[in-house]
N, C-alpha and C. Protein backbone atom coordinates (compact mmCIF):
# COMPACT_ATOMS: atom_id res chain seq x y z
N MET A 1 -59.25 92.77 20.76
CA MET A 1 -58.47 91.74 21.40
C MET A 1 -57.91 90.57 20.48
N GLN A 2 -58.86 90.15 19.58
CA GLN A 2 -58.34 89.12 18.61
C GLN A 2 -57.20 89.60 17.76
N SER A 3 -57.15 90.90 17.39
CA SER A 3 -56.07 91.25 16.51
C SER A 3 -54.80 91.23 17.27
N LYS A 4 -54.91 91.63 18.60
CA LYS A 4 -53.76 91.63 19.45
C LYS A 4 -53.16 90.11 19.57
N GLN A 5 -54.09 89.31 19.78
CA GLN A 5 -53.59 87.88 19.99
C GLN A 5 -53.09 87.32 18.63
N LYS A 6 -53.75 87.77 17.62
CA LYS A 6 -53.15 87.25 16.31
C LYS A 6 -51.69 87.82 16.03
N ALA A 7 -51.49 89.03 16.44
CA ALA A 7 -50.23 89.76 16.24
C ALA A 7 -49.17 89.07 17.13
N ILE A 8 -49.59 88.68 18.37
CA ILE A 8 -48.61 88.04 19.20
C ILE A 8 -48.27 86.67 18.78
N LYS A 9 -49.23 85.88 18.19
CA LYS A 9 -49.00 84.66 17.62
C LYS A 9 -48.02 84.71 16.48
N THR A 10 -48.20 85.70 15.68
CA THR A 10 -47.27 85.94 14.49
C THR A 10 -45.91 86.27 15.08
N LEU A 11 -45.71 87.08 16.01
CA LEU A 11 -44.53 87.44 16.65
C LEU A 11 -43.82 86.27 17.22
N CYS A 12 -44.54 85.38 17.88
CA CYS A 12 -43.91 84.09 18.46
C CYS A 12 -43.54 83.19 17.40
N ARG A 13 -44.35 83.05 16.33
CA ARG A 13 -43.81 82.23 15.23
C ARG A 13 -42.58 82.73 14.56
N LEU A 14 -42.58 84.08 14.42
CA LEU A 14 -41.31 84.71 13.89
C LEU A 14 -40.07 84.52 14.82
N ALA A 15 -40.27 84.76 16.10
CA ALA A 15 -39.20 84.63 17.04
C ALA A 15 -38.74 83.05 17.13
N TYR A 16 -39.63 82.19 17.01
CA TYR A 16 -39.25 80.80 16.93
C TYR A 16 -38.37 80.44 15.80
N LYS A 17 -38.75 81.07 14.58
CA LYS A 17 -37.98 80.77 13.43
C LYS A 17 -36.59 81.30 13.53
N GLN A 18 -36.52 82.57 14.11
CA GLN A 18 -35.22 83.29 14.17
C GLN A 18 -34.34 82.47 15.31
N ARG A 19 -34.88 82.03 16.30
CA ARG A 19 -34.26 81.27 17.30
C ARG A 19 -33.69 79.94 16.78
N ASP A 20 -34.60 79.22 15.95
CA ASP A 20 -34.17 78.00 15.32
C ASP A 20 -33.05 78.20 14.29
N LEU A 21 -33.08 79.24 13.54
CA LEU A 21 -32.09 79.53 12.70
C LEU A 21 -30.77 79.91 13.34
N MET A 22 -30.89 80.63 14.37
CA MET A 22 -29.66 81.00 15.12
C MET A 22 -29.01 79.66 15.79
N CYS A 23 -29.90 78.83 16.25
CA CYS A 23 -29.46 77.32 16.83
C CYS A 23 -28.68 76.65 15.79
N SER A 24 -29.10 76.69 14.53
CA SER A 24 -28.47 75.78 13.62
C SER A 24 -27.16 76.71 13.24
N GLU A 25 -27.10 77.90 13.25
CA GLU A 25 -25.76 78.68 13.03
C GLU A 25 -24.86 78.38 14.13
N LEU A 26 -25.35 78.23 15.28
CA LEU A 26 -24.55 77.91 16.49
C LEU A 26 -23.94 76.51 16.38
N ASP A 27 -24.77 75.65 15.97
CA ASP A 27 -24.17 74.27 15.67
C ASP A 27 -23.13 74.21 14.61
N THR A 28 -23.26 75.03 13.54
CA THR A 28 -22.19 75.15 12.53
C THR A 28 -20.97 75.89 13.14
N LEU A 29 -21.13 76.84 13.99
CA LEU A 29 -20.08 77.54 14.48
C LEU A 29 -19.26 76.51 15.42
N GLN A 30 -20.08 75.73 16.29
CA GLN A 30 -19.38 74.81 17.09
C GLN A 30 -18.52 73.75 16.31
N GLN A 31 -18.97 73.39 15.11
CA GLN A 31 -18.21 72.48 14.29
C GLN A 31 -16.97 73.15 13.84
N GLN A 32 -17.10 74.30 13.51
CA GLN A 32 -16.05 75.14 12.96
C GLN A 32 -14.89 75.30 13.97
N CYS A 33 -15.41 75.55 15.22
CA CYS A 33 -14.44 75.74 16.45
C CYS A 33 -13.71 74.34 16.68
N HIS A 34 -14.42 73.31 16.60
CA HIS A 34 -13.86 71.96 16.71
C HIS A 34 -12.78 71.73 15.68
N GLN A 35 -13.07 72.05 14.52
CA GLN A 35 -12.18 71.89 13.34
C GLN A 35 -10.93 72.75 13.52
N ALA A 36 -11.15 74.03 13.93
CA ALA A 36 -10.03 74.96 14.14
C ALA A 36 -9.11 74.44 15.28
N SER A 37 -9.83 73.88 16.32
CA SER A 37 -8.96 73.31 17.38
C SER A 37 -8.00 72.19 16.98
N LEU A 38 -8.70 71.25 16.05
CA LEU A 38 -7.91 70.34 15.55
C LEU A 38 -6.82 70.75 14.70
N ARG A 39 -7.03 71.87 13.88
CA ARG A 39 -5.94 72.30 13.03
C ARG A 39 -4.91 72.88 13.93
N MET A 40 -5.18 73.54 14.96
CA MET A 40 -4.25 74.12 15.94
C MET A 40 -3.41 73.01 16.55
N GLN A 41 -4.04 71.84 16.93
CA GLN A 41 -3.31 70.80 17.52
C GLN A 41 -2.26 70.17 16.55
N GLN A 42 -2.70 70.12 15.26
CA GLN A 42 -1.88 69.53 14.14
C GLN A 42 -0.68 70.41 14.06
N LEU A 43 -0.85 71.76 14.01
CA LEU A 43 0.24 72.73 13.73
C LEU A 43 1.19 72.62 14.89
N LEU A 44 0.75 72.40 16.24
CA LEU A 44 1.57 72.40 17.32
C LEU A 44 2.43 71.06 17.27
N GLU A 45 1.70 69.97 16.81
CA GLU A 45 2.58 68.77 16.63
C GLU A 45 3.51 68.87 15.48
N LEU A 46 3.12 69.56 14.43
CA LEU A 46 4.09 69.69 13.41
C LEU A 46 5.45 70.56 13.82
N LYS A 47 5.06 71.59 14.62
CA LYS A 47 6.15 72.34 15.07
C LYS A 47 7.06 71.64 15.91
N ASN A 48 6.43 70.77 16.92
CA ASN A 48 7.26 69.94 17.87
C ASN A 48 8.10 68.87 16.99
N GLN A 49 7.53 68.34 15.94
CA GLN A 49 8.32 67.40 15.17
C GLN A 49 9.45 67.98 14.39
N THR A 50 9.25 69.22 13.92
CA THR A 50 10.45 69.99 13.19
C THR A 50 11.46 70.33 14.19
N ARG A 51 11.11 70.61 15.41
CA ARG A 51 12.22 70.90 16.31
C ARG A 51 13.01 69.69 16.79
N ARG A 52 12.23 68.53 16.91
CA ARG A 52 12.94 67.32 17.32
C ARG A 52 13.89 66.83 16.16
N LYS A 53 13.44 67.02 14.90
CA LYS A 53 14.39 66.60 13.77
C LYS A 53 15.49 67.52 13.71
N GLY A 54 15.42 68.77 14.13
CA GLY A 54 16.57 69.60 14.05
C GLY A 54 17.56 69.28 15.15
N SER A 55 17.20 68.55 16.22
CA SER A 55 18.13 68.27 17.23
C SER A 55 18.84 67.04 17.09
N ILE A 56 18.68 66.17 16.02
CA ILE A 56 19.34 65.08 15.67
C ILE A 56 20.76 65.41 15.28
N ASN A 57 21.74 64.51 15.59
CA ASN A 57 23.12 64.85 15.45
C ASN A 57 23.40 64.96 13.94
N VAL A 58 23.24 65.89 13.31
CA VAL A 58 23.52 66.12 11.87
C VAL A 58 24.42 67.32 11.80
N PRO A 59 25.34 67.32 10.95
CA PRO A 59 26.28 68.47 10.96
C PRO A 59 25.40 69.70 10.47
N PHE A 60 25.44 70.65 11.23
CA PHE A 60 24.69 71.88 10.96
C PHE A 60 25.43 72.74 9.86
N HIS A 61 24.51 72.97 8.84
CA HIS A 61 25.00 73.79 7.75
C HIS A 61 24.27 75.10 7.99
N ARG A 62 24.74 76.15 7.31
CA ARG A 62 24.12 77.39 7.45
C ARG A 62 22.72 77.30 6.86
N GLU A 63 22.52 76.71 5.62
CA GLU A 63 21.26 76.63 4.88
C GLU A 63 20.27 75.77 5.72
N ILE A 64 20.70 74.72 6.45
CA ILE A 64 19.80 73.87 7.21
C ILE A 64 19.12 74.73 8.31
N LEU A 65 20.20 75.46 9.08
CA LEU A 65 19.72 76.36 10.11
C LEU A 65 18.66 77.42 9.66
N LEU A 66 19.03 78.00 8.40
CA LEU A 66 18.21 79.06 7.87
C LEU A 66 16.82 78.49 7.67
N ASN A 67 16.73 77.19 7.05
CA ASN A 67 15.48 76.66 6.61
C ASN A 67 14.64 76.35 7.99
N GLN A 68 15.42 75.83 8.92
CA GLN A 68 14.65 75.48 10.09
C GLN A 68 14.18 76.75 10.88
N CYS A 69 14.79 77.88 10.65
CA CYS A 69 14.35 79.15 11.33
C CYS A 69 13.06 79.66 10.53
N ARG A 70 13.19 79.44 9.19
CA ARG A 70 12.06 79.88 8.29
C ARG A 70 10.83 79.09 8.61
N VAL A 71 11.03 77.72 8.71
CA VAL A 71 9.90 76.85 8.98
C VAL A 71 9.30 77.18 10.24
N ASP A 72 10.19 77.33 11.33
CA ASP A 72 9.76 77.67 12.68
C ASP A 72 9.08 78.93 12.78
N GLY A 73 9.53 80.12 12.09
CA GLY A 73 8.78 81.21 11.97
C GLY A 73 7.47 81.16 11.21
N ALA A 74 7.35 80.50 10.16
CA ALA A 74 6.15 80.31 9.42
C ALA A 74 5.19 79.51 10.24
N LEU A 75 5.54 78.41 10.97
CA LEU A 75 4.60 77.64 11.85
C LEU A 75 4.20 78.53 12.94
N SER A 76 5.12 79.33 13.64
CA SER A 76 4.59 80.24 14.55
C SER A 76 3.55 81.24 14.18
N LYS A 77 3.74 81.83 12.98
CA LYS A 77 2.75 82.66 12.52
C LYS A 77 1.39 82.03 12.30
N MET A 78 1.43 80.88 11.70
CA MET A 78 0.25 80.05 11.44
C MET A 78 -0.43 79.76 12.71
N ILE A 79 0.34 79.39 13.75
CA ILE A 79 -0.19 78.95 14.96
C ILE A 79 -0.84 80.33 15.77
N ASP A 80 -0.08 81.42 15.61
CA ASP A 80 -0.72 82.77 16.16
C ASP A 80 -2.00 83.05 15.40
N HIS A 81 -1.99 82.86 14.14
CA HIS A 81 -3.24 83.19 13.36
C HIS A 81 -4.39 82.27 13.77
N GLN A 82 -3.99 80.98 13.89
CA GLN A 82 -5.04 79.99 14.22
C GLN A 82 -5.56 80.28 15.75
N GLN A 83 -4.73 80.69 16.64
CA GLN A 83 -5.10 81.05 17.92
C GLN A 83 -6.12 82.24 17.77
N TYR A 84 -5.71 83.19 17.10
CA TYR A 84 -6.64 84.46 16.88
C TYR A 84 -7.95 84.03 16.37
N GLU A 85 -8.00 83.28 15.34
CA GLU A 85 -9.21 82.78 14.79
C GLU A 85 -9.99 82.01 15.79
N LEU A 86 -9.43 81.19 16.46
CA LEU A 86 -10.14 80.42 17.55
C LEU A 86 -10.74 81.22 18.69
N GLN A 87 -9.98 82.39 19.03
CA GLN A 87 -10.54 83.26 20.02
C GLN A 87 -11.81 84.05 19.49
N LEU A 88 -11.71 84.36 18.18
CA LEU A 88 -12.78 85.00 17.49
C LEU A 88 -14.11 84.09 17.40
N MET A 89 -13.81 82.82 17.11
CA MET A 89 -14.91 81.88 17.04
C MET A 89 -15.55 81.70 18.43
N HIS A 90 -14.76 81.67 19.41
CA HIS A 90 -15.26 81.56 20.72
C HIS A 90 -16.10 82.67 21.19
N ALA A 91 -15.64 83.95 20.81
CA ALA A 91 -16.38 85.02 21.13
C ALA A 91 -17.73 85.11 20.39
N GLN A 92 -17.74 84.71 19.14
CA GLN A 92 -19.02 84.58 18.30
C GLN A 92 -19.92 83.59 18.91
N HIS A 93 -19.31 82.53 19.35
CA HIS A 93 -20.12 81.47 19.95
C HIS A 93 -20.82 81.93 21.28
N HIS A 94 -20.07 82.60 21.99
CA HIS A 94 -20.58 83.21 23.34
C HIS A 94 -21.67 84.24 23.06
N SER A 95 -21.42 85.18 22.14
CA SER A 95 -22.39 86.15 21.64
C SER A 95 -23.61 85.55 21.17
N MET A 96 -23.43 84.53 20.33
CA MET A 96 -24.68 83.85 19.76
C MET A 96 -25.47 83.10 20.83
N GLN A 97 -24.84 82.57 21.73
CA GLN A 97 -25.59 81.93 22.84
C GLN A 97 -26.38 82.87 23.61
N ASN A 98 -25.76 84.16 23.89
CA ASN A 98 -26.57 85.10 24.60
C ASN A 98 -27.69 85.69 23.94
N THR A 99 -27.50 85.78 22.59
CA THR A 99 -28.59 86.24 21.67
C THR A 99 -29.71 85.17 21.68
N ILE A 100 -29.39 83.84 21.79
CA ILE A 100 -30.37 82.85 21.64
C ILE A 100 -31.18 82.88 22.88
N LYS A 101 -30.47 83.28 24.16
CA LYS A 101 -31.16 83.19 25.35
C LYS A 101 -32.05 84.32 25.49
N GLN A 102 -31.72 85.47 24.82
CA GLN A 102 -32.46 86.74 24.69
C GLN A 102 -33.87 86.31 23.94
N LYS A 103 -33.50 85.79 22.78
CA LYS A 103 -34.74 85.32 21.99
C LYS A 103 -35.59 84.46 22.82
N GLN A 104 -35.08 83.55 23.53
CA GLN A 104 -35.98 82.62 24.30
C GLN A 104 -36.70 83.38 25.30
N LEU A 105 -36.16 84.38 25.93
CA LEU A 105 -36.83 85.21 26.93
C LEU A 105 -37.89 85.94 26.26
N ILE A 106 -37.77 86.48 25.08
CA ILE A 106 -38.73 87.19 24.35
C ILE A 106 -39.83 86.29 24.03
N ILE A 107 -39.56 84.99 23.69
CA ILE A 107 -40.62 84.05 23.35
C ILE A 107 -41.51 83.72 24.56
N ILE A 108 -40.74 83.55 25.66
CA ILE A 108 -41.47 83.24 26.92
C ILE A 108 -42.47 84.31 27.28
N GLY A 109 -41.85 85.68 27.17
CA GLY A 109 -42.73 86.87 27.49
C GLY A 109 -43.92 86.99 26.52
N LEU A 110 -43.74 86.75 25.30
CA LEU A 110 -44.82 86.77 24.37
C LEU A 110 -45.92 85.77 24.70
N GLU A 111 -45.39 84.49 24.96
CA GLU A 111 -46.36 83.46 25.34
C GLU A 111 -47.10 83.73 26.53
N SER A 112 -46.44 84.24 27.62
CA SER A 112 -47.15 84.60 28.80
C SER A 112 -48.12 85.64 28.66
N GLN A 113 -47.66 86.69 27.82
CA GLN A 113 -48.77 87.76 27.45
C GLN A 113 -50.07 87.19 26.66
N LEU A 114 -49.72 86.29 25.80
CA LEU A 114 -50.81 85.65 25.04
C LEU A 114 -51.68 84.83 25.97
N GLU A 115 -51.13 84.13 26.87
CA GLU A 115 -51.85 83.25 27.87
C GLU A 115 -52.72 84.17 28.80
N ALA A 116 -52.06 85.41 29.17
CA ALA A 116 -52.79 86.22 30.08
C ALA A 116 -53.98 86.84 29.23
N TRP A 117 -53.91 87.05 28.00
CA TRP A 117 -55.05 87.71 27.26
C TRP A 117 -55.96 86.62 27.11
N HIS A 118 -55.63 85.32 26.85
CA HIS A 118 -56.69 84.18 26.76
C HIS A 118 -57.43 84.07 28.05
N GLN A 119 -56.74 84.10 29.19
CA GLN A 119 -57.39 84.02 30.53
C GLN A 119 -58.39 85.23 30.68
N GLU A 120 -58.01 86.44 30.27
CA GLU A 120 -58.78 87.57 30.42
C GLU A 120 -60.03 87.46 29.51
N GLN A 121 -59.84 86.91 28.29
CA GLN A 121 -61.08 86.67 27.42
C GLN A 121 -61.94 85.65 27.90
N LYS A 122 -61.40 84.53 28.58
CA LYS A 122 -62.29 83.58 29.19
C LYS A 122 -63.04 84.08 30.31
N MET A 123 -62.36 84.90 31.02
CA MET A 123 -63.17 85.47 32.25
C MET A 123 -64.12 86.47 31.79
N ALA A 124 -63.81 87.34 30.79
CA ALA A 124 -64.98 88.22 30.16
C ALA A 124 -66.16 87.53 29.64
N LEU A 125 -65.81 86.32 28.89
CA LEU A 125 -66.98 85.48 28.38
C LEU A 125 -67.74 84.89 29.51
N GLN A 126 -67.01 84.31 30.40
CA GLN A 126 -67.70 83.65 31.58
C GLN A 126 -68.62 84.67 32.42
N LYS A 127 -67.97 85.95 32.52
CA LYS A 127 -68.86 86.91 33.20
C LYS A 127 -70.09 87.34 32.36
N HIS A 128 -69.83 87.38 31.00
CA HIS A 128 -71.00 87.76 30.06
C HIS A 128 -72.07 86.58 30.15
N GLU A 129 -71.56 85.48 30.20
CA GLU A 129 -72.58 84.15 30.27
C GLU A 129 -73.30 84.19 31.54
N ASP A 130 -72.58 84.62 32.68
CA ASP A 130 -73.23 84.60 34.06
C ASP A 130 -74.34 85.77 34.05
N VAL A 131 -74.01 86.93 33.44
CA VAL A 131 -75.00 87.91 33.36
C VAL A 131 -76.11 87.52 32.62
N LEU A 132 -75.98 86.84 31.50
CA LEU A 132 -77.15 86.31 30.64
C LEU A 132 -78.02 85.27 31.37
N LEU A 133 -77.26 84.48 32.08
CA LEU A 133 -78.02 83.41 32.87
C LEU A 133 -78.80 84.08 33.87
N GLU A 134 -78.17 85.12 34.69
CA GLU A 134 -78.91 85.78 35.72
C GLU A 134 -80.11 86.56 35.14
N GLU A 135 -79.94 87.16 34.02
CA GLU A 135 -81.06 87.91 33.36
C GLU A 135 -82.25 86.92 32.85
N ALA A 136 -81.78 85.76 32.46
CA ALA A 136 -82.78 84.66 32.02
C ALA A 136 -83.51 84.19 33.38
N ILE A 137 -82.76 84.09 34.46
CA ILE A 137 -83.55 83.64 35.62
C ILE A 137 -84.46 84.65 36.20
N ASN A 138 -83.97 85.99 36.09
CA ASN A 138 -84.83 87.02 36.54
C ASN A 138 -86.02 87.13 35.69
N ASN A 139 -85.95 86.99 34.38
CA ASN A 139 -87.05 87.09 33.38
C ASN A 139 -88.00 86.04 33.54
N GLY A 140 -87.49 84.77 33.95
CA GLY A 140 -88.35 83.69 34.18
C GLY A 140 -89.09 83.90 35.45
N ALA A 141 -88.55 84.50 36.45
CA ALA A 141 -89.20 84.71 37.68
C ALA A 141 -90.23 85.82 37.52
N ALA A 142 -90.00 86.84 36.74
CA ALA A 142 -90.86 87.96 36.44
C ALA A 142 -91.98 87.43 35.72
N CYS A 143 -91.82 86.53 34.86
CA CYS A 143 -92.95 85.86 33.90
C CYS A 143 -93.90 85.12 34.90
N LYS A 144 -93.34 84.40 35.97
CA LYS A 144 -94.14 83.52 36.84
C LYS A 144 -94.96 84.42 37.72
N VAL A 145 -94.45 85.64 38.04
CA VAL A 145 -95.10 86.58 38.97
C VAL A 145 -96.20 87.26 38.31
N LEU A 146 -95.99 87.51 36.95
CA LEU A 146 -97.15 88.18 36.16
C LEU A 146 -98.24 87.14 35.82
N ALA A 147 -97.90 85.78 35.82
CA ALA A 147 -98.84 84.78 35.46
C ALA A 147 -99.65 84.59 36.74
N ILE A 148 -99.14 84.76 37.78
CA ILE A 148 -99.88 84.59 39.00
C ILE A 148 -100.92 85.59 39.22
């Protein structure tokens, strides 16, 4: 029984370490998501600013229009790429949260099993002590009977 309890304690410590490591990775991923969201907002603001500048009454030349189209296309590609990265980060975040929840459930299960074994061991020890006490009482009574 002692070896089982020792193994469960070791598994618990290992599961705690894994869960804590995953929590720190989750925090890092949350920061990266926040930074990606800020970059996304900045790109959208830049795209809006370039569109507004193009609408000012300036004689349109072919080169200006081509440059505006290139800038708009490049910004659209960057925004699409940033949206894709953000979606991936959110999916990773969700997956990691589920994994952490599963680790926590494993830890709870291991701890409950360990507690059940502790209770079982206490009950066996108490039962053994009761048997020893009963034998001592019976032996004491038998000695008194023999003495009489």
